[in-house]
Amino acid sequence: MDEARSEQNRFGTQRISRVLLRIAPPVTLAQLIQALYNIVDSFFVGRYSAGALTNVVFDPLLRLFSNSAQVRQIGLTAFLIIGCSFFLRCFR
């Protein structure tokens, strides 16, 4: 039970570099697999028609824009949470 609880609370108790080194490889691997799938898909779809290839090429661009917006949103949320907690600690 204690081991499961410490695993869930690792963001608040462990060093950030250690947590990142533990979480980053699976995420990076998943993105690599997705990129390889897109490359292979582009190869096979491109053999059929140029219009289909255009749709396959547009999908990664759409993901790039949506992911960059999501990263900014997460960063802003973290910034606001840290700022609010600092503000509340100052006035206690």
C-alpha atoms as a PDB file:
ATOM      1  CA  MET A   1       0.000   0.000   0.000  1.00  0.00           C
ATOM      2  CA  ASP A   2       2.760   2.452   0.928  1.00  0.00           C
ATOM      3  CA  GLU A   3       4.664   1.592  -2.234  1.00  0.00           C
ATOM      4  CA  ALA A   4       1.625   2.313  -4.399  1.00  0.00           C
ATOM      5  CA  ARG A   5       1.018   5.598  -2.603  1.00  0.00           C
ATOM      6  CA  SER A   6       4.635   6.713  -3.065  1.00  0.00           C
ATOM      7  CA  GLU A   7       4.386   5.774  -6.754  1.00  0.00           C
ATOM      8  CA  GLN A   8       1.318   8.004  -7.148  1.00  0.00           C
ATOM      9  CA  ASN A   9       2.899  10.914  -5.273  1.00  0.00           C
ATOM     10  CA  ARG A  10       6.256  10.856  -7.035  1.00  0.00           C
ATOM     11  CA  PHE A  11       5.698  14.289  -8.555  1.00  0.00           C
ATOM     12  CA  GLY A  12       5.584  15.905  -5.152  1.00  0.00           C
ATOM     13  CA  THR A  13       8.339  13.970  -3.415  1.00  0.00           C
ATOM     14  CA  GLN A  14      11.050  12.968  -5.918  1.00  0.00           C
ATOM     15  CA  ARG A  15      13.474  15.144  -7.841  1.00  0.00           C
ATOM     16  CA  ILE A  16      12.154  16.461 -11.141  1.00  0.00           C
ATOM     17  CA  SER A  17      15.085  15.094 -13.147  1.00  0.00           C
ATOM     18  CA  ARG A  18      14.483  11.590 -11.788  1.00  0.00           C
ATOM     19  CA  VAL A  19      10.773  11.723 -12.582  1.00  0.00           C
ATOM     20  CA  LEU A  20      11.460  13.009 -16.116  1.00  0.00           C
ATOM     21  CA  LEU A  21      14.023  10.293 -16.777  1.00  0.00           C
ATOM     22  CA  ARG A  22      11.455   7.724 -15.699  1.00  0.00           C
ATOM     23  CA  ILE A  23       8.505   9.103 -17.675  1.00  0.00           C
ATOM     24  CA  ALA A  24      10.180  10.408 -20.848  1.00  0.00           C
ATOM     25  CA  PRO A  25      11.286   7.127 -22.516  1.00  0.00           C
ATOM     26  CA  PRO A  26       7.794   5.585 -22.901  1.00  0.00           C
ATOM     27  CA  VAL A  27       6.395   8.854 -24.258  1.00  0.00           C
ATOM     28  CA  THR A  28       9.301   9.238 -26.673  1.00  0.00           C
ATOM     29  CA  LEU A  29       8.896   5.645 -27.841  1.00  0.00           C
ATOM     30  CA  ALA A  30       5.187   6.163 -28.447  1.00  0.00           C
ATOM     31  CA  GLN A  31       5.879   9.272 -30.531  1.00  0.00           C
ATOM     32  CA  LEU A  32       8.548   7.423 -32.508  1.00  0.00           C
ATOM     33  CA  ILE A  33       6.136   4.593 -33.285  1.00  0.00           C
ATOM     34  CA  GLN A  34       3.498   7.115 -34.379  1.00  0.00           C
ATOM     35  CA  ALA A  35       6.000   8.882 -36.649  1.00  0.00           C
ATOM     36  CA  LEU A  36       7.097   5.593 -38.231  1.00  0.00           C
ATOM     37  CA  TYR A  37       3.474   4.658 -38.796  1.00  0.00           C
ATOM     38  CA  ASN A  38       2.880   7.995 -40.545  1.00  0.00           C
ATOM     39  CA  ILE A  39       5.908   7.482 -42.800  1.00  0.00           C
ATOM     40  CA  VAL A  40       4.844   3.981 -43.821  1.00  0.00           C
ATOM     41  CA  ASP A  41       1.251   5.146 -44.271  1.00  0.00           C
ATOM     42  CA  SER A  42       2.409   7.988 -46.508  1.00  0.00           C
ATOM     43  CA  PHE A  43       4.341   5.544 -48.653  1.00  0.00           C
ATOM     44  CA  PHE A  44       1.382   3.227 -49.238  1.00  0.00           C
ATOM     45  CA  VAL A  45      -1.289   5.908 -49.575  1.00  0.00           C
ATOM     46  CA  GLY A  46       0.905   7.931 -51.946  1.00  0.00           C
ATOM     47  CA  ARG A  47       0.885   5.029 -54.380  1.00  0.00           C
ATOM     48  CA  TYR A  48      -2.878   5.412 -54.849  1.00  0.00           C
ATOM     49  CA  SER A  49      -3.524   9.130 -55.360  1.00  0.00           C
ATOM     50  CA  ALA A  50      -2.083  12.575 -54.708  1.00  0.00           C
ATOM     51  CA  GLY A  51      -5.257  13.704 -52.908  1.00  0.00           C
ATOM     52  CA  ALA A  52      -4.974  10.912 -50.382  1.00  0.00           C
ATOM     53  CA  LEU A  53      -1.320  11.757 -49.839  1.00  0.00           C
ATOM     54  CA  THR A  54      -2.269  15.380 -49.140  1.00  0.00           C
ATOM     55  CA  ASN A  55      -4.567  14.225 -46.344  1.00  0.00           C
ATOM     56  CA  VAL A  56      -1.833  12.052 -44.859  1.00  0.00           C
ATOM     57  CA  VAL A  57       0.674  14.931 -44.928  1.00  0.00           C
ATOM     58  CA  PHE A  58      -1.794  17.373 -43.387  1.00  0.00           C
ATOM     59  CA  ASP A  59      -2.429  15.195 -40.319  1.00  0.00           C
ATOM     60  CA  PRO A  60       1.058  15.627 -38.746  1.00  0.00           C
ATOM     61  CA  LEU A  61       0.869  19.394 -39.288  1.00  0.00           C
ATOM     62  CA  LEU A  62      -2.474  19.510 -37.532  1.00  0.00           C
ATOM     63  CA  ARG A  63      -1.051  17.478 -34.646  1.00  0.00           C
ATOM     64  CA  LEU A  64       1.942  19.804 -34.420  1.00  0.00           C
ATOM     65  CA  PHE A  65      -0.271  22.866 -34.042  1.00  0.00           C
ATOM     66  CA  SER A  66      -2.631  21.239 -31.552  1.00  0.00           C
ATOM     67  CA  ASN A  67       0.232  19.804 -29.476  1.00  0.00           C
ATOM     68  CA  SER A  68       2.025  23.146 -29.328  1.00  0.00           C
ATOM     69  CA  ALA A  69      -1.178  24.779 -28.116  1.00  0.00           C
ATOM     70  CA  GLN A  70      -1.575  22.070 -25.489  1.00  0.00           C
ATOM     71  CA  VAL A  71       2.009  22.548 -24.272  1.00  0.00           C
ATOM     72  CA  ARG A  72       1.427  26.293 -23.881  1.00  0.00           C
ATOM     73  CA  GLN A  73      -1.798  25.629 -21.994  1.00  0.00           C
ATOM     74  CA  ILE A  74      -0.113  23.196 -19.596  1.00  0.00           C
ATOM     75  CA  GLY A  75       2.774  25.595 -19.018  1.00  0.00           C
ATOM     76  CA  LEU A  76       0.454  28.507 -18.331  1.00  0.00           C
ATOM     77  CA  THR A  77      -1.615  26.421 -15.926  1.00  0.00           C
ATOM     78  CA  ALA A  78       1.501  25.343 -14.019  1.00  0.00           C
ATOM     79  CA  PHE A  79       2.719  28.935 -13.920  1.00  0.00           C
ATOM     80  CA  LEU A  80      -0.610  30.134 -12.530  1.00  0.00           C
ATOM     81  CA  ILE A  81      -0.762  27.392  -9.908  1.00  0.00           C
ATOM     82  CA  ILE A  82       2.773  28.115  -8.702  1.00  0.00           C
ATOM     83  CA  GLY A  83       2.113  31.858  -8.714  1.00  0.00           C
ATOM     84  CA  CYS A  84      -1.151  31.518  -6.795  1.00  0.00           C
ATOM     85  CA  SER A  85       0.378  29.208  -4.194  1.00  0.00           C
ATOM     86  CA  PHE A  86       3.295  31.627  -3.723  1.00  0.00           C
ATOM     87  CA  PHE A  87       0.852  34.537  -3.413  1.00  0.00           C
ATOM     88  CA  LEU A  88      -1.244  32.711  -0.816  1.00  0.00           C
ATOM     89  CA  ARG A  89       1.843  31.739   1.218  1.00  0.00           C
ATOM     90  CA  CYS A  90       2.988  35.353   1.329  1.00  0.00           C
ATOM     91  CA  PHE A  91      -0.251  36.565   2.883  1.00  0.00           C
ATOM     92  CA  ARG A  92      -0.737  33.899   5.562  1.00  0.00           C
END
